[in-house]
Amino acid sequence: MVRTCAAALVFVSWCAVLIGAADATDRVTRTVPFAAGRAIRVDTTVGDVTIVGSNRPDVAVEILRRAPSSAIFAKFPVVIENAADALRVSSTQLADGRDPALISTVVIRAPANANFQSIRMFEGRLRLSGLTGGCDADVRRGSIEATAVAGRVRLESGLGSVDVKDAALAPGGMLRIRVFNGPLRVQLAHAPENARILAVTLNGQIRSDIPLTMKDQFGPRFGETTLGNGEPVMSLDVVKGDIAISVAR
């Protein structure tokens, strides 16, 4: 019995090795010049996207693709195009494909004040950090994790979650987050002196370190407050899920 189990375990392990060996990988890297105010657009179908902002002067892009065989890479081609209107980075499946076996891992390192005009993903995880110029992100299935973001920020997840940490509500900026089904959590780096905060969930709870005027007796739960001059705006909207607002310090 022991020998049979051991043999079965070896067989399963060997199958796992064979399956892993069947996967093909492909890596594309490119560094392009950056011009202040220039738009950056990112599109992927399935995988992970990480975008890191810092004081670097250019934009470094790395895309790792994984598929059952190298012949399938043609089904989700890599595009890194420094066009006249925007820098485009994409690894999307052709013909509106949604094959979960065709995976793209995208890492972009850019100046903190870069304008990420559009970040679109069908399925996967999006991680943002150190972006102060603003970004507009939409993940249909999956999570968004944002750390130390500021400026004009829009984040949306269809089926998943949004977690924001150490965010700043700066003059001229905004923070708008929407989740269809899943939790929404926002941690502000500091308690804002000036802000307009709106939070609504159709089916969930609202918890906030910042006192909100609540309307939750009937129907959707709604909380709001105006601090100082009422700018900038933080708007949080969930269809099904809880909202949590906290302050780091």
Protein backbone atom coordinates (compact mmCIF):
# COMPACT_ATOMS: atom_id res chain seq x y z
CA MET A 1 0.00 0.00 0.00
CA VAL A 2 2.80 2.39 0.93
CA ARG A 3 4.72 1.56 -2.26
CA THR A 4 1.58 2.06 -4.35
CA CYS A 5 0.92 5.49 -2.84
CA ALA A 6 4.56 6.46 -3.29
CA ALA A 7 4.48 5.39 -6.93
CA ALA A 8 1.29 7.33 -7.49
CA LEU A 9 2.85 10.41 -5.91
CA VAL A 10 5.89 10.13 -8.17
CA PHE A 11 3.62 9.77 -11.21
CA VAL A 12 1.58 12.86 -10.28
CA SER A 13 4.75 14.87 -9.67
CA TRP A 14 6.19 13.79 -13.01
CA CYS A 15 2.98 14.76 -14.79
CA ALA A 16 3.19 18.19 -13.18
CA VAL A 17 6.75 18.56 -14.46
CA LEU A 18 5.68 17.57 -17.97
CA ILE A 19 2.80 20.03 -17.91
CA GLY A 20 5.09 22.80 -16.71
CA ALA A 21 7.67 21.88 -19.35
CA ALA A 22 5.01 22.15 -22.06
CA ASP A 23 4.52 25.85 -21.29
CA ALA A 24 6.43 28.23 -23.53
CA THR A 25 7.58 31.67 -22.40
CA ASP A 26 8.56 34.78 -24.29
CA ARG A 27 10.02 38.01 -22.91
CA VAL A 28 10.01 41.43 -24.57
CA THR A 29 11.70 44.48 -23.03
CA ARG A 30 11.98 48.05 -24.23
CA THR A 31 12.89 51.44 -22.80
CA VAL A 32 11.40 54.53 -24.43
CA PRO A 33 11.87 58.28 -23.85
CA PHE A 34 9.29 60.09 -21.77
CA ALA A 35 7.77 63.51 -22.47
CA ALA A 36 5.88 65.31 -19.72
CA GLY A 37 2.13 65.13 -20.17
CA ARG A 38 2.31 62.35 -22.75
CA ALA A 39 -0.45 59.75 -22.41
CA ILE A 40 0.29 56.08 -21.76
CA ARG A 41 -2.27 53.39 -22.61
CA VAL A 42 -2.02 49.81 -21.38
CA ASP A 43 -4.16 46.87 -22.54
CA THR A 44 -3.98 43.18 -21.60
CA THR A 45 -6.44 40.29 -21.66
CA VAL A 46 -5.33 37.81 -18.97
CA GLY A 47 -2.45 38.14 -16.51
CA ASP A 48 -0.84 40.56 -14.10
CA VAL A 49 0.11 44.20 -14.63
CA THR A 50 2.45 46.12 -12.32
CA ILE A 51 3.10 49.83 -12.79
CA VAL A 52 5.65 51.60 -10.61
CA GLY A 53 6.24 55.34 -10.58
CA SER A 54 9.55 56.87 -9.52
CA ASN A 55 11.94 59.71 -10.40
CA ARG A 56 13.28 57.93 -13.48
CA PRO A 57 13.39 59.95 -16.77
CA ASP A 58 12.12 57.25 -19.14
CA VAL A 59 9.62 54.39 -19.39
CA ALA A 60 10.83 50.78 -19.10
CA VAL A 61 8.46 48.06 -20.28
CA GLU A 62 8.82 44.32 -19.73
CA ILE A 63 6.25 41.82 -20.98
CA LEU A 64 6.48 38.11 -20.22
CA ARG A 65 4.07 35.90 -22.13
CA ARG A 66 3.23 32.33 -21.27
CA ALA A 67 1.29 29.87 -23.45
CA PRO A 68 0.98 26.10 -23.97
CA SER A 69 3.28 26.42 -27.02
CA SER A 70 5.31 29.11 -28.74
CA ALA A 71 3.11 28.88 -31.84
CA ILE A 72 0.24 30.38 -29.84
CA PHE A 73 2.09 33.64 -29.09
CA ALA A 74 0.69 34.98 -32.36
CA LYS A 75 -2.75 34.93 -30.75
CA PHE A 76 -1.77 37.65 -28.25
CA PRO A 77 0.94 39.79 -29.86
CA VAL A 78 3.03 42.31 -27.95
CA VAL A 79 2.73 45.94 -28.99
CA ILE A 80 5.00 48.67 -27.61
CA GLU A 81 4.31 51.64 -29.85
CA ASN A 82 5.55 55.14 -29.20
CA ALA A 83 2.93 56.79 -31.41
CA ALA A 84 2.31 60.48 -31.93
CA ASP A 85 -0.64 60.70 -29.53
CA ALA A 86 0.37 58.18 -26.85
CA LEU A 87 2.69 55.39 -25.77
CA ARG A 88 0.75 52.16 -26.30
CA VAL A 89 1.61 48.96 -24.44
CA SER A 90 -0.53 45.91 -25.09
CA SER A 91 -0.68 42.14 -25.08
CA THR A 92 -4.29 41.39 -25.94
CA GLN A 93 -5.81 38.28 -27.45
CA LEU A 94 -6.97 38.60 -31.04
CA ALA A 95 -10.64 38.34 -32.03
CA ASP A 96 -11.69 39.30 -28.50
CA GLY A 97 -10.30 36.03 -27.12
CA ARG A 98 -10.52 35.18 -23.41
CA ASP A 99 -8.31 32.08 -23.17
CA PRO A 100 -7.03 31.81 -19.55
CA ALA A 101 -4.01 29.79 -20.73
CA LEU A 102 -2.59 32.79 -22.60
CA ILE A 103 -1.03 34.83 -19.80
CA SER A 104 0.77 38.16 -19.94
CA THR A 105 2.82 39.56 -17.09
CA VAL A 106 3.47 43.24 -17.69
CA VAL A 107 5.82 45.42 -15.64
CA ILE A 108 6.10 49.14 -16.40
CA ARG A 109 8.47 51.50 -14.61
CA ALA A 110 7.71 55.12 -15.37
CA PRO A 111 8.14 58.66 -14.03
CA ALA A 112 5.82 59.27 -11.09
CA ASN A 113 4.05 62.12 -12.90
CA ALA A 114 3.31 60.04 -16.02
CA ASN A 115 -0.26 60.20 -17.29
CA PHE A 116 -1.65 56.65 -17.48
CA GLN A 117 -4.65 57.68 -19.53
CA SER A 118 -6.05 54.16 -19.88
CA ILE A 119 -5.27 50.81 -18.24
CA ARG A 120 -7.61 48.04 -19.37
CA MET A 121 -7.57 44.37 -18.31
CA PHE A 122 -10.12 41.59 -18.76
CA GLU A 123 -8.86 39.28 -16.02
CA GLY A 124 -6.01 39.37 -13.54
CA ARG A 125 -4.37 41.58 -10.96
CA LEU A 126 -3.35 45.19 -11.36
CA ARG A 127 -0.82 46.76 -8.98
CA LEU A 128 -0.05 50.47 -9.00
CA SER A 129 2.43 52.35 -6.84
CA GLY A 130 3.99 55.80 -6.67
CA LEU A 131 1.87 57.39 -9.41
CA THR A 132 1.14 61.08 -8.84
CA GLY A 133 0.15 62.25 -12.32
CA GLY A 134 -3.06 60.24 -12.44
CA CYS A 135 -4.43 57.03 -13.93
CA ASP A 136 -7.66 55.53 -15.24
CA ALA A 137 -7.86 51.74 -14.68
CA ASP A 138 -10.55 49.15 -15.37
CA VAL A 139 -10.28 45.43 -14.52
CA ARG A 140 -13.31 43.36 -15.45
CA ARG A 141 -12.40 40.30 -13.37
CA GLY A 142 -9.76 40.64 -10.71
CA SER A 143 -8.23 42.92 -8.15
CA ILE A 144 -6.65 46.35 -8.09
CA GLU A 145 -4.02 47.23 -5.51
CA ALA A 146 -2.84 50.83 -5.43
CA THR A 147 -0.21 52.28 -3.09
CA ALA A 148 0.88 55.91 -2.66
CA VAL A 149 -1.20 57.22 -5.56
CA ALA A 150 -2.29 60.83 -6.04
CA GLY A 151 -3.57 63.13 -8.76
CA ARG A 152 -6.62 62.29 -10.86
CA VAL A 153 -7.25 58.62 -10.12
CA ARG A 154 -10.08 56.43 -11.41
CA LEU A 155 -10.19 52.75 -10.49
CA GLU A 156 -12.90 50.25 -11.42
CA SER A 157 -13.28 46.49 -10.87
CA GLY A 158 -16.22 44.50 -12.17
CA LEU A 159 -15.85 41.25 -10.23
CA GLY A 160 -13.07 41.60 -7.67
CA SER A 161 -11.75 44.07 -5.15
CA VAL A 162 -10.00 47.42 -4.90
CA ASP A 163 -7.47 48.11 -2.14
CA VAL A 164 -5.85 51.55 -1.89
CA LYS A 165 -3.15 52.37 0.66
CA ASP A 166 -1.40 55.65 1.54
CA ALA A 167 -3.39 57.63 -1.01
CA ALA A 168 -3.24 61.44 -1.05
CA LEU A 169 -6.12 63.78 -1.82
CA ALA A 170 -4.13 66.59 -3.41
CA PRO A 171 -5.43 69.91 -4.78
CA GLY A 172 -6.55 69.51 -8.36
CA GLY A 173 -6.84 65.75 -8.01
CA MET A 174 -9.63 63.31 -7.33
CA LEU A 175 -10.18 59.71 -6.31
CA ARG A 176 -13.08 57.87 -7.91
CA ILE A 177 -13.47 54.14 -7.29
CA ARG A 178 -16.21 51.79 -8.40
CA VAL A 179 -16.66 48.06 -7.69
CA PHE A 180 -19.55 46.01 -9.00
CA ASN A 181 -19.13 42.93 -6.80
CA GLY A 182 -16.48 42.91 -4.09
CA PRO A 183 -14.97 44.94 -1.25
CA LEU A 184 -13.57 48.44 -1.58
CA ARG A 185 -10.95 49.60 0.94
CA VAL A 186 -9.24 53.01 0.96
CA GLN A 187 -6.52 54.11 3.35
CA LEU A 188 -5.52 57.78 3.19
CA ALA A 189 -1.97 58.71 4.11
CA HIS A 190 -3.24 61.71 6.10
CA ALA A 191 -6.61 63.03 7.21
CA PRO A 192 -7.51 65.64 4.56
CA GLU A 193 -8.17 69.24 5.55
CA ASN A 194 -10.12 69.86 2.36
CA ALA A 195 -12.22 67.20 0.64
CA ARG A 196 -15.67 66.11 -0.42
CA ILE A 197 -16.21 62.45 0.45
CA LEU A 198 -19.08 60.41 -0.96
CA ALA A 199 -19.59 56.68 -0.33
CA VAL A 200 -22.53 54.52 -1.43
CA THR A 201 -23.16 50.78 -1.47
CA LEU A 202 -26.37 49.18 -2.69
CA ASN A 203 -25.78 45.99 -0.72
CA GLY A 204 -23.12 46.24 1.98
CA GLN A 205 -21.77 48.23 4.92
CA ILE A 206 -19.81 51.48 5.19
CA ARG A 207 -17.11 51.97 7.82
CA SER A 208 -15.05 55.14 8.05
CA ASP A 209 -12.40 56.67 10.31
CA ILE A 210 -13.56 60.03 8.96
CA PRO A 211 -16.99 60.90 10.37
CA LEU A 212 -19.66 60.71 7.68
CA THR A 213 -23.28 61.77 7.67
CA MET A 214 -25.04 58.48 7.06
CA LYS A 215 -28.31 57.67 5.34
CA ASP A 216 -28.82 53.95 5.79
CA GLN A 217 -32.31 53.34 7.12
CA PHE A 218 -33.87 52.36 3.79
CA GLY A 219 -32.41 51.18 0.51
CA PRO A 220 -28.78 51.92 -0.39
CA ARG A 221 -26.37 52.98 2.36
CA PHE A 222 -24.95 56.42 1.74
CA GLY A 223 -22.34 58.43 3.63
CA GLU A 224 -20.98 61.89 2.91
CA THR A 225 -19.03 64.78 4.38
CA THR A 226 -17.49 68.07 3.29
CA LEU A 227 -14.17 69.14 4.77
CA GLY A 228 -12.86 72.66 4.33
CA ASN A 229 -13.49 73.96 0.82
CA GLY A 230 -14.84 70.62 -0.40
CA GLU A 231 -12.09 69.90 -2.94
CA PRO A 232 -10.85 67.44 -4.11
CA VAL A 233 -13.56 64.78 -4.35
CA MET A 234 -13.28 61.16 -3.22
CA SER A 235 -16.19 59.14 -4.59
CA LEU A 236 -16.62 55.46 -3.66
CA ASP A 237 -19.36 53.39 -5.29
CA VAL A 238 -20.12 49.67 -4.75
CA VAL A 239 -23.06 47.63 -6.01
CA LYS A 240 -22.50 44.56 -3.82
CA GLY A 241 -19.83 44.76 -1.14
CA ASP A 242 -18.53 46.73 1.81
CA ILE A 243 -16.69 50.06 1.86
CA ALA A 244 -13.95 50.82 4.39
CA ILE A 245 -12.24 54.21 4.76
CA SER A 246 -9.24 54.57 7.07
CA VAL A 247 -6.48 57.06 7.81
CA ALA A 248 -2.88 55.91 8.29
CA ARG A 249 -1.86 58.84 10.49
